[in-house]
Amino acid sequence: MRYIEPHAHMVSRTTDDYQSLVLAGCKAVCEPAFWAGFDRSSAQGFYDYFCQLTEYEPRRAAKFHLKHYSWICINPKEAEDPEFAREVIALIPEFLKKDNVLGVGEIGLNKNSVNEVKIFEEQVQLAVDHNQLILVHTPHLEDKFKGTRLIIDMLQRHPGVDPGRVLIDHVEEHTVKMVLDLGFWAGITLYPESKCTPPRAVDMLEQYGSTDRIWMNSACDWGVSDPLALPKAIFELRKRGFDDDTIDRFVYRNPVNFLKQCPKFRLTI
């Protein structure tokens, strides 16, 4: 069955993972900028990383006839030094012009700190100034509800932000309704040890899946994660009795409808 992987950190995956995605039916993979597992020490390090996202990874994916898109930002985990973060932000407009870049992301909060809030708001303004889609990271574990509420409050106050052009990722049972009710898009992240397992994600879809503003993703990275989490969620949906048209909406048509708001995204329904 066709699907789109809308959030995968392929720089940390092997080339075999690209092949596995294609064999499973993946038609495009979208890669947000993220924390590399360590704090980078220079803006030049970010520049090289952005080049990797916009030049090298698309070539690696193309070997398997897979479209690769990316998002550009400084992740909240590296936003505690505002002066350094602003050096990185100054690099972003150059990369927003690249042919495979969908927007600004994944920005957001990690510890809900004052500095994270400042840098989040500055990157939201950058997205507004350049008419970009926004992909938002929400905190994990006990800070998720507070962080999601803070993020939504900031987005609602920010002039020029259209909720329909913002995807708030890593939603869980206690945050998904808040995100959807206010007109934002919601992303359910599938992880084997944290966030949502495929059965838990399908529980959420059974309760909130009537909306056309929800998708699933694996967010696979260098940690314990699964690049084939989405096909496993498709299998779980079939076990629960979802028909192929509904499954196609969750895993293909919904992502296309959000991402095609960026004219660079070339897949169609």
C-alpha atoms as a PDB file:
ATOM      1  CA  MET A   1       0.000   0.000   0.000  1.00  0.00           C
ATOM      2  CA  ARG A   2       1.294   3.482  -0.829  1.00  0.00           C
ATOM      3  CA  TYR A   3       2.264   5.801   2.002  1.00  0.00           C
ATOM      4  CA  ILE A   4       4.380   8.838   2.791  1.00  0.00           C
ATOM      5  CA  GLU A   5       6.915   8.894   5.614  1.00  0.00           C
ATOM      6  CA  PRO A   6       6.472  12.538   6.710  1.00  0.00           C
ATOM      7  CA  HIS A   7       9.086  12.600   9.487  1.00  0.00           C
ATOM      8  CA  ALA A   8      12.249  10.496   9.331  1.00  0.00           C
ATOM      9  CA  HIS A   9      15.831  11.400  10.214  1.00  0.00           C
ATOM     10  CA  MET A  10      17.516   9.545   7.383  1.00  0.00           C
ATOM     11  CA  VAL A  11      20.971  11.008   8.000  1.00  0.00           C
ATOM     12  CA  SER A  12      21.134   8.564  10.911  1.00  0.00           C
ATOM     13  CA  ARG A  13      19.858   5.560   8.949  1.00  0.00           C
ATOM     14  CA  THR A  14      21.643   3.140   6.648  1.00  0.00           C
ATOM     15  CA  THR A  15      21.194   3.018   2.891  1.00  0.00           C
ATOM     16  CA  ASP A  16      19.387  -0.302   3.359  1.00  0.00           C
ATOM     17  CA  ASP A  17      16.659   1.603   5.189  1.00  0.00           C
ATOM     18  CA  TYR A  18      15.932   3.581   2.030  1.00  0.00           C
ATOM     19  CA  GLN A  19      15.512   0.325   0.150  1.00  0.00           C
ATOM     20  CA  SER A  20      13.222  -1.052   2.863  1.00  0.00           C
ATOM     21  CA  LEU A  21      11.003   2.039   2.711  1.00  0.00           C
ATOM     22  CA  VAL A  22      10.569   1.719  -1.033  1.00  0.00           C
ATOM     23  CA  LEU A  23       9.834  -2.009  -0.865  1.00  0.00           C
ATOM     24  CA  ALA A  24       7.170  -1.289   1.768  1.00  0.00           C
ATOM     25  CA  GLY A  25       5.387   1.194  -0.517  1.00  0.00           C
ATOM     26  CA  CYS A  26       6.853   4.556   0.556  1.00  0.00           C
ATOM     27  CA  LYS A  27       6.481   7.246  -2.132  1.00  0.00           C
ATOM     28  CA  ALA A  28       8.314  10.109  -0.378  1.00  0.00           C
ATOM     29  CA  VAL A  29      10.295  10.694   2.799  1.00  0.00           C
ATOM     30  CA  CYS A  30      10.442  14.054   4.593  1.00  0.00           C
ATOM     31  CA  GLU A  31      13.367  14.823   6.891  1.00  0.00           C
ATOM     32  CA  PRO A  32      13.230  17.584   9.506  1.00  0.00           C
ATOM     33  CA  ALA A  33      16.389  19.122  10.919  1.00  0.00           C
ATOM     34  CA  PHE A  34      17.007  17.775  14.426  1.00  0.00           C
ATOM     35  CA  TRP A  35      19.475  17.263  17.266  1.00  0.00           C
ATOM     36  CA  ALA A  36      22.354  15.003  16.246  1.00  0.00           C
ATOM     37  CA  GLY A  37      22.694  13.346  19.670  1.00  0.00           C
ATOM     38  CA  PHE A  38      25.263  15.938  20.711  1.00  0.00           C
ATOM     39  CA  ASP A  39      25.393  19.738  20.712  1.00  0.00           C
ATOM     40  CA  ARG A  40      27.132  21.158  17.651  1.00  0.00           C
ATOM     41  CA  SER A  41      29.887  23.650  18.429  1.00  0.00           C
ATOM     42  CA  SER A  42      29.679  26.032  15.481  1.00  0.00           C
ATOM     43  CA  ALA A  43      27.296  27.549  12.981  1.00  0.00           C
ATOM     44  CA  GLN A  44      29.521  26.047  10.280  1.00  0.00           C
ATOM     45  CA  GLY A  45      28.605  22.607  11.628  1.00  0.00           C
ATOM     46  CA  PHE A  46      24.957  23.445  11.030  1.00  0.00           C
ATOM     47  CA  TYR A  47      25.744  24.766   7.570  1.00  0.00           C
ATOM     48  CA  ASP A  48      27.335  21.434   6.650  1.00  0.00           C
ATOM     49  CA  TYR A  49      24.361  19.576   8.134  1.00  0.00           C
ATOM     50  CA  PHE A  50      21.901  21.672   6.112  1.00  0.00           C
ATOM     51  CA  CYS A  51      23.908  20.856   2.993  1.00  0.00           C
ATOM     52  CA  GLN A  52      23.624  17.178   3.898  1.00  0.00           C
ATOM     53  CA  LEU A  53      19.817  17.506   4.157  1.00  0.00           C
ATOM     54  CA  THR A  54      19.427  19.388   0.894  1.00  0.00           C
ATOM     55  CA  GLU A  55      22.102  17.823  -1.307  1.00  0.00           C
ATOM     56  CA  TYR A  56      23.468  14.476  -0.137  1.00  0.00           C
ATOM     57  CA  GLU A  57      20.336  12.793   1.268  1.00  0.00           C
ATOM     58  CA  PRO A  58      18.202  13.534  -1.821  1.00  0.00           C
ATOM     59  CA  ARG A  59      20.884  11.884  -3.951  1.00  0.00           C
ATOM     60  CA  ARG A  60      21.018   8.869  -1.649  1.00  0.00           C
ATOM     61  CA  ALA A  61      17.223   8.479  -1.787  1.00  0.00           C
ATOM     62  CA  ALA A  62      17.150   8.949  -5.569  1.00  0.00           C
ATOM     63  CA  LYS A  63      19.226   5.784  -5.988  1.00  0.00           C
ATOM     64  CA  PHE A  64      16.066   3.952  -4.929  1.00  0.00           C
ATOM     65  CA  HIS A  65      13.684   6.206  -6.904  1.00  0.00           C
ATOM     66  CA  LEU A  66      12.410   7.735  -3.652  1.00  0.00           C
ATOM     67  CA  LYS A  67      11.621  11.434  -3.364  1.00  0.00           C
ATOM     68  CA  HIS A  68      13.374  13.125  -0.423  1.00  0.00           C
ATOM     69  CA  TYR A  69      12.213  16.400   1.136  1.00  0.00           C
ATOM     70  CA  SER A  70      13.620  18.254   4.115  1.00  0.00           C
ATOM     71  CA  TRP A  71      12.854  20.939   6.690  1.00  0.00           C
ATOM     72  CA  ILE A  72      15.412  23.428   8.040  1.00  0.00           C
ATOM     73  CA  CYS A  73      15.785  24.900  11.550  1.00  0.00           C
ATOM     74  CA  ILE A  74      17.720  24.795  14.795  1.00  0.00           C
ATOM     75  CA  ASN A  75      16.145  22.233  17.105  1.00  0.00           C
ATOM     76  CA  PRO A  76      15.014  23.303  20.614  1.00  0.00           C
ATOM     77  CA  LYS A  77      17.637  21.026  22.185  1.00  0.00           C
ATOM     78  CA  GLU A  78      20.283  23.431  20.854  1.00  0.00           C
ATOM     79  CA  ALA A  79      18.426  26.663  21.572  1.00  0.00           C
ATOM     80  CA  GLU A  80      19.692  27.401  25.090  1.00  0.00           C
ATOM     81  CA  ASP A  81      22.380  29.761  23.791  1.00  0.00           C
ATOM     82  CA  PRO A  82      20.362  32.447  21.938  1.00  0.00           C
ATOM     83  CA  GLU A  83      23.420  34.150  20.445  1.00  0.00           C
ATOM     84  CA  PHE A  84      24.606  30.882  18.923  1.00  0.00           C
ATOM     85  CA  ALA A  85      21.081  29.958  17.819  1.00  0.00           C
ATOM     86  CA  ARG A  86      20.738  33.276  15.994  1.00  0.00           C
ATOM     87  CA  GLU A  87      23.942  32.590  14.075  1.00  0.00           C
ATOM     88  CA  VAL A  88      22.307  29.391  12.839  1.00  0.00           C
ATOM     89  CA  ILE A  89      18.975  31.091  12.103  1.00  0.00           C
ATOM     90  CA  ALA A  90      20.842  33.591   9.918  1.00  0.00           C
ATOM     91  CA  LEU A  91      21.851  30.662   7.663  1.00  0.00           C
ATOM     92  CA  ILE A  92      18.322  29.356   7.153  1.00  0.00           C
ATOM     93  CA  PRO A  93      16.951  31.715   4.453  1.00  0.00           C
ATOM     94  CA  GLU A  94      19.608  30.504   2.004  1.00  0.00           C
ATOM     95  CA  PHE A  95      18.420  26.905   2.453  1.00  0.00           C
ATOM     96  CA  LEU A  96      14.711  27.723   2.275  1.00  0.00           C
ATOM     97  CA  LYS A  97      15.349  28.374  -1.426  1.00  0.00           C
ATOM     98  CA  LYS A  98      16.548  24.799  -2.023  1.00  0.00           C
ATOM     99  CA  ASP A  99      14.382  22.653  -4.265  1.00  0.00           C
ATOM    100  CA  ASN A 100      13.596  19.971  -1.663  1.00  0.00           C
ATOM    101  CA  VAL A 101      12.926  22.200   1.387  1.00  0.00           C
ATOM    102  CA  LEU A 102       9.317  22.223   2.614  1.00  0.00           C
ATOM    103  CA  GLY A 103       9.553  24.785   5.398  1.00  0.00           C
ATOM    104  CA  VAL A 104      10.859  25.544   8.890  1.00  0.00           C
ATOM    105  CA  GLY A 105      11.065  22.622  11.302  1.00  0.00           C
ATOM    106  CA  GLU A 106      11.136  20.829  13.542  1.00  0.00           C
ATOM    107  CA  ILE A 107      11.051  23.847  15.840  1.00  0.00           C
ATOM    108  CA  GLY A 108       9.376  23.858  19.241  1.00  0.00           C
ATOM    109  CA  LEU A 109      10.165  23.207  22.874  1.00  0.00           C
ATOM    110  CA  ASN A 110      12.160  20.589  24.761  1.00  0.00           C
ATOM    111  CA  LYS A 111      12.354  21.749  28.388  1.00  0.00           C
ATOM    112  CA  ASN A 112       9.931  24.677  28.013  1.00  0.00           C
ATOM    113  CA  SER A 113      12.701  27.108  28.943  1.00  0.00           C
ATOM    114  CA  VAL A 114      12.745  30.878  28.399  1.00  0.00           C
ATOM    115  CA  ASN A 115      15.493  30.630  25.788  1.00  0.00           C
ATOM    116  CA  GLU A 116      13.678  27.872  23.903  1.00  0.00           C
ATOM    117  CA  VAL A 117      10.579  30.080  23.806  1.00  0.00           C
ATOM    118  CA  LYS A 118      12.576  33.020  22.404  1.00  0.00           C
ATOM    119  CA  ILE A 119      14.178  30.976  19.647  1.00  0.00           C
ATOM    120  CA  PHE A 120      10.900  29.247  18.810  1.00  0.00           C
ATOM    121  CA  GLU A 121       9.171  32.611  18.323  1.00  0.00           C
ATOM    122  CA  GLU A 122      12.038  33.916  16.185  1.00  0.00           C
ATOM    123  CA  GLN A 123      11.861  30.885  13.907  1.00  0.00           C
ATOM    124  CA  VAL A 124       8.085  31.200  13.651  1.00  0.00           C
ATOM    125  CA  GLN A 125       8.622  34.778  12.510  1.00  0.00           C
ATOM    126  CA  LEU A 126      11.189  33.552   9.990  1.00  0.00           C
ATOM    127  CA  ALA A 127       8.615  31.126   8.602  1.00  0.00           C
ATOM    128  CA  VAL A 128       5.982  33.850   8.386  1.00  0.00           C
ATOM    129  CA  ASP A 129       8.401  36.251   6.686  1.00  0.00           C
ATOM    130  CA  HIS A 130       9.237  33.641   4.035  1.00  0.00           C
ATOM    131  CA  ASN A 131       5.721  32.170   3.714  1.00  0.00           C
ATOM    132  CA  GLN A 132       6.856  28.731   4.886  1.00  0.00           C
ATOM    133  CA  LEU A 133       5.063  25.723   6.347  1.00  0.00           C
ATOM    134  CA  ILE A 134       5.913  25.031  10.004  1.00  0.00           C
ATOM    135  CA  LEU A 135       6.672  21.671  11.639  1.00  0.00           C
ATOM    136  CA  VAL A 136       6.585  21.730  15.454  1.00  0.00           C
ATOM    137  CA  HIS A 137       8.309  19.455  17.980  1.00  0.00           C
ATOM    138  CA  THR A 138       6.502  19.053  21.303  1.00  0.00           C
ATOM    139  CA  PRO A 139       8.273  18.012  24.529  1.00  0.00           C
ATOM    140  CA  HIS A 140       8.317  14.435  25.682  1.00  0.00           C
ATOM    141  CA  LEU A 141       7.036  12.791  28.852  1.00  0.00           C
ATOM    142  CA  GLU A 142       5.648  14.931  31.697  1.00  0.00           C
ATOM    143  CA  ASP A 143       6.270  18.310  30.032  1.00  0.00           C
ATOM    144  CA  LYS A 144       4.257  17.514  26.897  1.00  0.00           C
ATOM    145  CA  PHE A 145       0.901  19.017  27.878  1.00  0.00           C
ATOM    146  CA  LYS A 146       2.453  22.198  29.276  1.00  0.00           C
ATOM    147  CA  GLY A 147       4.785  22.560  26.292  1.00  0.00           C
ATOM    148  CA  THR A 148       2.024  21.927  23.760  1.00  0.00           C
ATOM    149  CA  ARG A 149      -0.178  24.513  25.457  1.00  0.00           C
ATOM    150  CA  LEU A 150       2.678  27.061  25.433  1.00  0.00           C
ATOM    151  CA  ILE A 151       3.367  26.385  21.757  1.00  0.00           C
ATOM    152  CA  ILE A 152      -0.270  26.781  20.765  1.00  0.00           C
ATOM    153  CA  ASP A 153      -0.629  29.989  22.786  1.00  0.00           C
ATOM    154  CA  MET A 154       2.429  31.473  21.045  1.00  0.00           C
ATOM    155  CA  LEU A 155       1.239  30.415  17.601  1.00  0.00           C
ATOM    156  CA  GLN A 156      -2.226  31.868  18.190  1.00  0.00           C
ATOM    157  CA  ARG A 157      -0.756  35.203  19.307  1.00  0.00           C
ATOM    158  CA  HIS A 158       1.729  35.402  16.449  1.00  0.00           C
ATOM    159  CA  PRO A 159       0.520  37.587  13.558  1.00  0.00           C
ATOM    160  CA  GLY A 160       0.472  35.850  10.215  1.00  0.00           C
ATOM    161  CA  VAL A 161       0.363  32.237  11.459  1.00  0.00           C
ATOM    162  CA  ASP A 162      -2.251  30.100   9.696  1.00  0.00           C
ATOM    163  CA  PRO A 163      -3.031  26.984  11.807  1.00  0.00           C
ATOM    164  CA  GLY A 164      -3.756  25.075   8.605  1.00  0.00           C
ATOM    165  CA  ARG A 165      -0.094  25.479   7.613  1.00  0.00           C
ATOM    166  CA  VAL A 166       1.269  24.228  10.957  1.00  0.00           C
ATOM    167  CA  LEU A 167       1.817  20.562  11.867  1.00  0.00           C
ATOM    168  CA  ILE A 168       2.214  19.937  15.594  1.00  0.00           C
ATOM    169  CA  ASP A 169       4.025  16.637  15.978  1.00  0.00           C
ATOM    170  CA  HIS A 170       4.387  13.970  18.678  1.00  0.00           C
ATOM    171  CA  VAL A 171       0.784  14.387  19.870  1.00  0.00           C
ATOM    172  CA  GLU A 172      -0.544  11.927  22.428  1.00  0.00           C
ATOM    173  CA  GLU A 173      -3.936  11.175  23.944  1.00  0.00           C
ATOM    174  CA  HIS A 174      -3.873  14.220  26.233  1.00  0.00           C
ATOM    175  CA  THR A 175      -2.800  16.729  23.544  1.00  0.00           C
ATOM    176  CA  VAL A 176      -4.295  15.611  20.233  1.00  0.00           C
ATOM    177  CA  LYS A 177      -7.778  17.057  20.816  1.00  0.00           C
ATOM    178  CA  MET A 178      -6.373  20.449  21.805  1.00  0.00           C
ATOM    179  CA  VAL A 179      -4.297  20.582  18.612  1.00  0.00           C
ATOM    180  CA  LEU A 180      -7.108  19.539  16.273  1.00  0.00           C
ATOM    181  CA  ASP A 181      -9.833  21.646  17.894  1.00  0.00           C
ATOM    182  CA  LEU A 182      -7.817  24.808  17.233  1.00  0.00           C
ATOM    183  CA  GLY A 183      -7.349  24.088  13.533  1.00  0.00           C
ATOM    184  CA  PHE A 184      -3.747  22.806  13.544  1.00  0.00           C
ATOM    185  CA  TRP A 185      -2.549  19.577  11.964  1.00  0.00           C
ATOM    186  CA  ALA A 186      -1.527  16.730  14.296  1.00  0.00           C
ATOM    187  CA  GLY A 187       1.251  14.184  13.869  1.00  0.00           C
ATOM    188  CA  ILE A 188       1.303  10.865  15.749  1.00  0.00           C
ATOM    189  CA  THR A 189       4.841   9.553  16.161  1.00  0.00           C
ATOM    190  CA  LEU A 190       5.391   5.791  16.233  1.00  0.00           C
ATOM    191  CA  TYR A 191       8.193   4.614  18.516  1.00  0.00           C
ATOM    192  CA  PRO A 192       8.794   1.132  19.915  1.00  0.00           C
ATOM    193  CA  GLU A 193       9.822   2.334  23.401  1.00  0.00           C
ATOM    194  CA  SER A 194       8.350   5.821  23.786  1.00  0.00           C
ATOM    195  CA  LYS A 195       5.742   8.069  22.162  1.00  0.00           C
ATOM    196  CA  CYS A 196       3.129   5.787  20.496  1.00  0.00           C
ATOM    197  CA  THR A 197       3.264   2.157  19.476  1.00  0.00           C
ATOM    198  CA  PRO A 198       1.208   1.313  16.362  1.00  0.00           C
ATOM    199  CA  PRO A 199      -1.670  -0.161  18.465  1.00  0.00           C
ATOM    200  CA  ARG A 200      -1.746   2.954  20.662  1.00  0.00           C
ATOM    201  CA  ALA A 201      -1.717   5.195  17.577  1.00  0.00           C
ATOM    202  CA  VAL A 202      -4.626   3.291  16.075  1.00  0.00           C
ATOM    203  CA  ASP A 203      -6.522   3.718  19.368  1.00  0.00           C
ATOM    204  CA  MET A 204      -6.121   7.477  18.860  1.00  0.00           C
ATOM    205  CA  LEU A 205      -7.232   7.265  15.231  1.00  0.00           C
ATOM    206  CA  GLU A 206     -10.334   5.337  16.270  1.00  0.00           C
ATOM    207  CA  GLN A 207     -11.232   8.218  18.593  1.00  0.00           C
ATOM    208  CA  TYR A 208     -10.078  11.239  16.560  1.00  0.00           C
ATOM    209  CA  GLY A 209      -9.543   9.899  13.051  1.00  0.00           C
ATOM    210  CA  SER A 210     -12.563  11.536  11.453  1.00  0.00           C
ATOM    211  CA  THR A 211     -10.420  14.590  10.774  1.00  0.00           C
ATOM    212  CA  ASP A 212      -8.454  15.193   7.584  1.00  0.00           C
ATOM    213  CA  ARG A 213      -5.731  16.944   9.613  1.00  0.00           C
ATOM    214  CA  ILE A 214      -3.911  14.010  11.143  1.00  0.00           C
ATOM    215  CA  TRP A 215      -1.043  11.771  10.032  1.00  0.00           C
ATOM    216  CA  MET A 216       1.400   9.208  11.427  1.00  0.00           C
ATOM    217  CA  ASN A 217       5.202   9.132  11.178  1.00  0.00           C
ATOM    218  CA  SER A 218       8.126   7.094  12.477  1.00  0.00           C
ATOM    219  CA  ALA A 219      10.565   9.947  13.311  1.00  0.00           C
ATOM    220  CA  CYS A 220      13.236   7.234  13.030  1.00  0.00           C
ATOM    221  CA  ASP A 221      16.676   8.435  14.084  1.00  0.00           C
ATOM    222  CA  TRP A 222      19.883   7.194  15.735  1.00  0.00           C
ATOM    223  CA  GLY A 223      17.992   5.942  18.813  1.00  0.00           C
ATOM    224  CA  VAL A 224      15.706   2.965  19.311  1.00  0.00           C
ATOM    225  CA  SER A 225      13.281   3.535  16.446  1.00  0.00           C
ATOM    226  CA  ASP A 226      11.770   1.772  13.472  1.00  0.00           C
ATOM    227  CA  PRO A 227      11.813   3.095   9.872  1.00  0.00           C
ATOM    228  CA  LEU A 228       9.028   0.622   9.054  1.00  0.00           C
ATOM    229  CA  ALA A 229       6.732   1.719  11.875  1.00  0.00           C
ATOM    230  CA  LEU A 230       4.189   3.127   9.426  1.00  0.00           C
ATOM    231  CA  PRO A 231       3.699  -0.123   7.469  1.00  0.00           C
ATOM    232  CA  LYS A 232       3.245  -1.845  10.832  1.00  0.00           C
ATOM    233  CA  ALA A 233       0.585   0.718  11.735  1.00  0.00           C
ATOM    234  CA  ILE A 234      -1.112   0.001   8.387  1.00  0.00           C
ATOM    235  CA  PHE A 235      -1.203  -3.691   9.349  1.00  0.00           C
ATOM    236  CA  GLU A 236      -2.741  -2.764  12.731  1.00  0.00           C
ATOM    237  CA  LEU A 237      -5.375  -0.609  10.996  1.00  0.00           C
ATOM    238  CA  ARG A 238      -6.326  -3.561   8.791  1.00  0.00           C
ATOM    239  CA  LYS A 239      -6.576  -5.824  11.836  1.00  0.00           C
ATOM    240  CA  ARG A 240      -9.017  -3.334  13.378  1.00  0.00           C
ATOM    241  CA  GLY A 241     -11.236  -3.374  10.285  1.00  0.00           C
ATOM    242  CA  PHE A 242     -10.316  -0.064   8.642  1.00  0.00           C
ATOM    243  CA  ASP A 243     -10.965  -0.155   4.895  1.00  0.00           C
ATOM    244  CA  ASP A 244      -8.264   0.615   2.323  1.00  0.00           C
ATOM    245  CA  ASP A 245      -9.714   4.028   1.447  1.00  0.00           C
ATOM    246  CA  THR A 246      -9.587   5.208   5.069  1.00  0.00           C
ATOM    247  CA  ILE A 247      -6.072   3.842   5.532  1.00  0.00           C
ATOM    248  CA  ASP A 248      -4.956   5.570   2.333  1.00  0.00           C
ATOM    249  CA  ARG A 249      -6.313   8.842   3.722  1.00  0.00           C
ATOM    250  CA  PHE A 250      -4.329   8.538   6.959  1.00  0.00           C
ATOM    251  CA  VAL A 251      -1.023   7.452   5.438  1.00  0.00           C
ATOM    252  CA  TYR A 252      -1.016   9.091   1.993  1.00  0.00           C
ATOM    253  CA  ARG A 253      -3.747  11.624   1.169  1.00  0.00           C
ATOM    254  CA  ASN A 254      -3.590  13.565   4.434  1.00  0.00           C
ATOM    255  CA  PRO A 255       0.192  14.065   4.214  1.00  0.00           C
ATOM    256  CA  VAL A 256      -0.109  15.075   0.558  1.00  0.00           C
ATOM    257  CA  ASN A 257      -2.813  17.620   1.373  1.00  0.00           C
ATOM    258  CA  PHE A 258      -0.685  19.272   4.024  1.00  0.00           C
ATOM    259  CA  LEU A 259       2.627  19.140   2.183  1.00  0.00           C
ATOM    260  CA  LYS A 260       1.294  20.286  -1.193  1.00  0.00           C
ATOM    261  CA  GLN A 261       0.746  23.689   0.398  1.00  0.00           C
ATOM    262  CA  CYS A 262       4.454  24.001  -0.385  1.00  0.00           C
ATOM    263  CA  PRO A 263       4.725  24.288  -4.188  1.00  0.00           C
ATOM    264  CA  LYS A 264       7.969  22.275  -4.122  1.00  0.00           C
ATOM    265  CA  PHE A 265       6.112  19.132  -3.021  1.00  0.00           C
ATOM    266  CA  ARG A 266       5.342  17.354  -6.275  1.00  0.00           C
ATOM    267  CA  LEU A 267       3.370  14.246  -5.366  1.00  0.00           C
ATOM    268  CA  THR A 268      -0.340  14.321  -6.171  1.00  0.00           C
ATOM    269  CA  ILE A 269      -3.368  12.408  -4.977  1.00  0.00           C
END
